[in-house]
């Protein structure tokens, strides 16, 4: 069990990737393989793949890397709810969905996230910013 090949339910995963456009496809492969291995439902796996890809692409497009030149992707699974976090070094603007009238190639990422995520939010701290999303059900961040 010590080789990490099988992840017990509820286990958290954290991956640091170099802040670069190649980060999005790499993390998509990682999270899909991990969630499939944990028998997360295919719909939630698909949503997590899209959402994490959008959040990583936004971090690379609009923010700075963390002090070590990386972005951090963290996720956890409990009862078929997947919560993902993408942390970067922060940027000049606050992440928010662009207006629906924007048809350009950029700016749709957070609208996609908002449409798929049960909940999502932004946490700013002195070292950067984390955008999180909960897929498949409510986050356990707040008591409802």
C-alpha atoms as a PDB file:
ATOM      1  CA  UNK A   1       0.000   0.000   0.000  1.00  0.00           C
ATOM      2  CA  UNK A   2       2.979   2.298   0.483  1.00  0.00           C
ATOM      3  CA  UNK A   3       3.616   2.753  -3.248  1.00  0.00           C
ATOM      4  CA  UNK A   4       0.682   5.157  -3.681  1.00  0.00           C
ATOM      5  CA  UNK A   5      -0.839   3.116  -6.511  1.00  0.00           C
ATOM      6  CA  UNK A   6      -4.179   2.804  -4.744  1.00  0.00           C
ATOM      7  CA  UNK A   7      -5.482   5.919  -3.061  1.00  0.00           C
ATOM      8  CA  UNK A   8      -7.763   5.425  -0.086  1.00  0.00           C
ATOM      9  CA  UNK A   9     -11.011   7.357  -0.245  1.00  0.00           C
ATOM     10  CA  UNK A  10     -10.726  10.821   1.176  1.00  0.00           C
ATOM     11  CA  UNK A  11      -7.010  11.054   0.436  1.00  0.00           C
ATOM     12  CA  UNK A  12      -5.763  14.383  -0.791  1.00  0.00           C
ATOM     13  CA  UNK A  13      -3.408  14.798  -3.715  1.00  0.00           C
ATOM     14  CA  UNK A  14      -1.174  17.776  -4.394  1.00  0.00           C
ATOM     15  CA  UNK A  15       0.886  18.315  -7.515  1.00  0.00           C
ATOM     16  CA  UNK A  16       3.195  21.206  -8.303  1.00  0.00           C
ATOM     17  CA  UNK A  17       3.836  21.940 -11.959  1.00  0.00           C
ATOM     18  CA  UNK A  18       6.006  24.523 -13.622  1.00  0.00           C
ATOM     19  CA  UNK A  19       3.982  27.607 -14.502  1.00  0.00           C
ATOM     20  CA  UNK A  20       3.668  27.034 -18.264  1.00  0.00           C
ATOM     21  CA  UNK A  21       0.961  26.361 -20.878  1.00  0.00           C
ATOM     22  CA  UNK A  22       1.927  22.667 -20.799  1.00  0.00           C
ATOM     23  CA  UNK A  23       0.639  22.463 -17.203  1.00  0.00           C
ATOM     24  CA  UNK A  24      -3.037  22.191 -18.219  1.00  0.00           C
ATOM     25  CA  UNK A  25      -2.822  19.008 -20.345  1.00  0.00           C
ATOM     26  CA  UNK A  26      -0.471  17.384 -17.826  1.00  0.00           C
ATOM     27  CA  UNK A  27      -2.758  17.961 -14.853  1.00  0.00           C
ATOM     28  CA  UNK A  28      -5.802  16.830 -16.839  1.00  0.00           C
ATOM     29  CA  UNK A  29      -4.188  13.430 -17.395  1.00  0.00           C
ATOM     30  CA  UNK A  30      -3.170  13.177 -13.717  1.00  0.00           C
ATOM     31  CA  UNK A  31      -6.530  14.064 -12.218  1.00  0.00           C
ATOM     32  CA  UNK A  32      -8.518  11.863 -14.609  1.00  0.00           C
ATOM     33  CA  UNK A  33      -6.319   8.823 -13.890  1.00  0.00           C
ATOM     34  CA  UNK A  34      -6.564   9.438 -10.149  1.00  0.00           C
ATOM     35  CA  UNK A  35     -10.342   9.933 -10.096  1.00  0.00           C
ATOM     36  CA  UNK A  36     -11.010   6.920 -12.327  1.00  0.00           C
ATOM     37  CA  UNK A  37      -8.856   4.792 -10.006  1.00  0.00           C
ATOM     38  CA  UNK A  38     -11.024   5.967  -7.113  1.00  0.00           C
ATOM     39  CA  UNK A  39     -14.209   5.008  -8.990  1.00  0.00           C
ATOM     40  CA  UNK A  40     -15.579   8.543  -9.107  1.00  0.00           C
ATOM     41  CA  UNK A  41     -18.614   8.654 -11.419  1.00  0.00           C
ATOM     42  CA  UNK A  42     -17.741   9.415 -15.067  1.00  0.00           C
ATOM     43  CA  UNK A  43     -19.816  12.617 -15.070  1.00  0.00           C
ATOM     44  CA  UNK A  44     -17.895  14.058 -12.117  1.00  0.00           C
ATOM     45  CA  UNK A  45     -14.563  12.932 -13.634  1.00  0.00           C
ATOM     46  CA  UNK A  46     -15.460  14.796 -16.856  1.00  0.00           C
ATOM     47  CA  UNK A  47     -16.469  17.914 -14.928  1.00  0.00           C
ATOM     48  CA  UNK A  48     -13.276  17.815 -12.847  1.00  0.00           C
ATOM     49  CA  UNK A  49     -11.147  17.441 -15.985  1.00  0.00           C
ATOM     50  CA  UNK A  50     -12.742  20.488 -17.617  1.00  0.00           C
ATOM     51  CA  UNK A  51     -12.714  22.625 -14.480  1.00  0.00           C
ATOM     52  CA  UNK A  52      -9.099  21.907 -13.477  1.00  0.00           C
ATOM     53  CA  UNK A  53      -7.988  22.536 -17.062  1.00  0.00           C
ATOM     54  CA  UNK A  54      -9.753  25.915 -17.115  1.00  0.00           C
ATOM     55  CA  UNK A  55      -8.413  26.934 -13.697  1.00  0.00           C
ATOM     56  CA  UNK A  56      -4.833  26.015 -14.625  1.00  0.00           C
ATOM     57  CA  UNK A  57      -5.114  27.786 -17.997  1.00  0.00           C
ATOM     58  CA  UNK A  58      -6.455  30.889 -16.220  1.00  0.00           C
ATOM     59  CA  UNK A  59      -3.607  30.787 -13.696  1.00  0.00           C
ATOM     60  CA  UNK A  60      -1.031  30.646 -16.496  1.00  0.00           C
ATOM     61  CA  UNK A  61      -2.808  33.301 -18.584  1.00  0.00           C
ATOM     62  CA  UNK A  62      -3.705  35.848 -15.905  1.00  0.00           C
ATOM     63  CA  UNK A  63      -1.491  35.340 -12.859  1.00  0.00           C
ATOM     64  CA  UNK A  64       2.105  34.992 -11.763  1.00  0.00           C
ATOM     65  CA  UNK A  65       3.725  31.739 -10.672  1.00  0.00           C
ATOM     66  CA  UNK A  66       4.275  31.026  -7.005  1.00  0.00           C
ATOM     67  CA  UNK A  67       7.662  32.031  -5.604  1.00  0.00           C
ATOM     68  CA  UNK A  68       9.168  28.685  -6.706  1.00  0.00           C
ATOM     69  CA  UNK A  69       8.023  29.196 -10.325  1.00  0.00           C
ATOM     70  CA  UNK A  70       5.187  26.690 -10.028  1.00  0.00           C
ATOM     71  CA  UNK A  71       1.445  26.443  -9.696  1.00  0.00           C
ATOM     72  CA  UNK A  72      -0.071  24.054  -7.169  1.00  0.00           C
ATOM     73  CA  UNK A  73      -3.033  21.812  -7.925  1.00  0.00           C
ATOM     74  CA  UNK A  74      -4.673  20.116  -4.960  1.00  0.00           C
ATOM     75  CA  UNK A  75      -7.717  17.874  -4.904  1.00  0.00           C
ATOM     76  CA  UNK A  76      -9.603  15.631  -2.558  1.00  0.00           C
ATOM     77  CA  UNK A  77     -12.439  13.161  -2.972  1.00  0.00           C
ATOM     78  CA  UNK A  78     -15.122  12.224  -0.491  1.00  0.00           C
ATOM     79  CA  UNK A  79     -18.440  10.517  -1.265  1.00  0.00           C
ATOM     80  CA  UNK A  80     -18.122  11.235  -5.007  1.00  0.00           C
ATOM     81  CA  UNK A  81     -17.597  14.955  -4.368  1.00  0.00           C
ATOM     82  CA  UNK A  82     -14.342  16.254  -5.854  1.00  0.00           C
ATOM     83  CA  UNK A  83     -12.915  19.511  -4.600  1.00  0.00           C
ATOM     84  CA  UNK A  84     -10.086  21.033  -6.636  1.00  0.00           C
ATOM     85  CA  UNK A  85      -7.852  23.985  -5.846  1.00  0.00           C
ATOM     86  CA  UNK A  86      -5.431  25.772  -8.147  1.00  0.00           C
ATOM     87  CA  UNK A  87      -2.976  28.103  -6.413  1.00  0.00           C
ATOM     88  CA  UNK A  88      -0.730  30.643  -8.122  1.00  0.00           C
ATOM     89  CA  UNK A  89       1.253  33.725  -7.194  1.00  0.00           C
ATOM     90  CA  UNK A  90      -1.688  36.068  -7.707  1.00  0.00           C
ATOM     91  CA  UNK A  91      -2.336  38.579 -10.430  1.00  0.00           C
ATOM     92  CA  UNK A  92      -3.494  42.121 -11.087  1.00  0.00           C
ATOM     93  CA  UNK A  93      -7.186  41.226 -11.433  1.00  0.00           C
ATOM     94  CA  UNK A  94      -9.660  39.301  -9.317  1.00  0.00           C
ATOM     95  CA  UNK A  95     -10.849  36.096 -11.039  1.00  0.00           C
ATOM     96  CA  UNK A  96     -14.474  36.440 -12.097  1.00  0.00           C
ATOM     97  CA  UNK A  97     -16.562  35.231 -15.014  1.00  0.00           C
ATOM     98  CA  UNK A  98     -16.563  37.499 -18.047  1.00  0.00           C
ATOM     99  CA  UNK A  99     -19.896  38.783 -19.343  1.00  0.00           C
ATOM    100  CA  UNK A 100     -21.793  36.311 -21.558  1.00  0.00           C
ATOM    101  CA  UNK A 101     -21.438  38.707 -24.497  1.00  0.00           C
ATOM    102  CA  UNK A 102     -17.710  37.983 -24.694  1.00  0.00           C
ATOM    103  CA  UNK A 103     -17.191  35.643 -27.649  1.00  0.00           C
ATOM    104  CA  UNK A 104     -13.424  35.926 -27.879  1.00  0.00           C
ATOM    105  CA  UNK A 105     -11.137  32.927 -27.336  1.00  0.00           C
ATOM    106  CA  UNK A 106     -10.410  33.948 -23.735  1.00  0.00           C
ATOM    107  CA  UNK A 107     -12.612  34.893 -20.837  1.00  0.00           C
ATOM    108  CA  UNK A 108     -15.000  31.946 -20.874  1.00  0.00           C
ATOM    109  CA  UNK A 109     -13.035  29.830 -18.392  1.00  0.00           C
ATOM    110  CA  UNK A 110     -14.749  30.930 -15.204  1.00  0.00           C
ATOM    111  CA  UNK A 111     -18.185  30.875 -16.859  1.00  0.00           C
ATOM    112  CA  UNK A 112     -17.477  27.218 -17.682  1.00  0.00           C
ATOM    113  CA  UNK A 113     -16.309  26.607 -14.111  1.00  0.00           C
ATOM    114  CA  UNK A 114     -19.416  28.326 -12.711  1.00  0.00           C
ATOM    115  CA  UNK A 115     -21.716  26.280 -14.931  1.00  0.00           C
ATOM    116  CA  UNK A 116     -20.160  22.939 -13.895  1.00  0.00           C
ATOM    117  CA  UNK A 117     -19.185  23.505 -10.270  1.00  0.00           C
ATOM    118  CA  UNK A 118     -21.618  23.030  -7.420  1.00  0.00           C
ATOM    119  CA  UNK A 119     -19.720  25.861  -5.702  1.00  0.00           C
ATOM    120  CA  UNK A 120     -16.538  27.787  -6.391  1.00  0.00           C
ATOM    121  CA  UNK A 121     -14.615  30.619  -4.830  1.00  0.00           C
ATOM    122  CA  UNK A 122     -11.402  32.607  -4.591  1.00  0.00           C
ATOM    123  CA  UNK A 123      -9.079  32.844  -1.600  1.00  0.00           C
ATOM    124  CA  UNK A 124      -6.418  35.569  -1.587  1.00  0.00           C
ATOM    125  CA  UNK A 125      -3.532  35.379   0.832  1.00  0.00           C
ATOM    126  CA  UNK A 126      -0.187  37.206   1.139  1.00  0.00           C
ATOM    127  CA  UNK A 127       1.597  34.584  -1.001  1.00  0.00           C
ATOM    128  CA  UNK A 128      -0.864  34.362  -3.863  1.00  0.00           C
ATOM    129  CA  UNK A 129      -4.322  33.221  -4.787  1.00  0.00           C
ATOM    130  CA  UNK A 130      -6.272  29.972  -4.784  1.00  0.00           C
ATOM    131  CA  UNK A 131      -9.339  29.338  -6.907  1.00  0.00           C
ATOM    132  CA  UNK A 132     -11.354  26.329  -5.747  1.00  0.00           C
ATOM    133  CA  UNK A 133     -14.338  24.444  -7.080  1.00  0.00           C
ATOM    134  CA  UNK A 134     -16.523  21.666  -5.720  1.00  0.00           C
ATOM    135  CA  UNK A 135     -17.879  19.126  -8.221  1.00  0.00           C
ATOM    136  CA  UNK A 136     -20.588  16.553  -7.735  1.00  0.00           C
ATOM    137  CA  UNK A 137     -22.009  18.166  -4.590  1.00  0.00           C
ATOM    138  CA  UNK A 138     -21.507  20.849  -1.956  1.00  0.00           C
ATOM    139  CA  UNK A 139     -18.120  21.755  -0.566  1.00  0.00           C
ATOM    140  CA  UNK A 140     -17.352  20.923   3.044  1.00  0.00           C
ATOM    141  CA  UNK A 141     -15.716  24.351   3.446  1.00  0.00           C
ATOM    142  CA  UNK A 142     -18.852  25.892   4.941  1.00  0.00           C
ATOM    143  CA  UNK A 143     -21.639  24.455   7.021  1.00  0.00           C
ATOM    144  CA  UNK A 144     -24.960  24.797   5.235  1.00  0.00           C
END
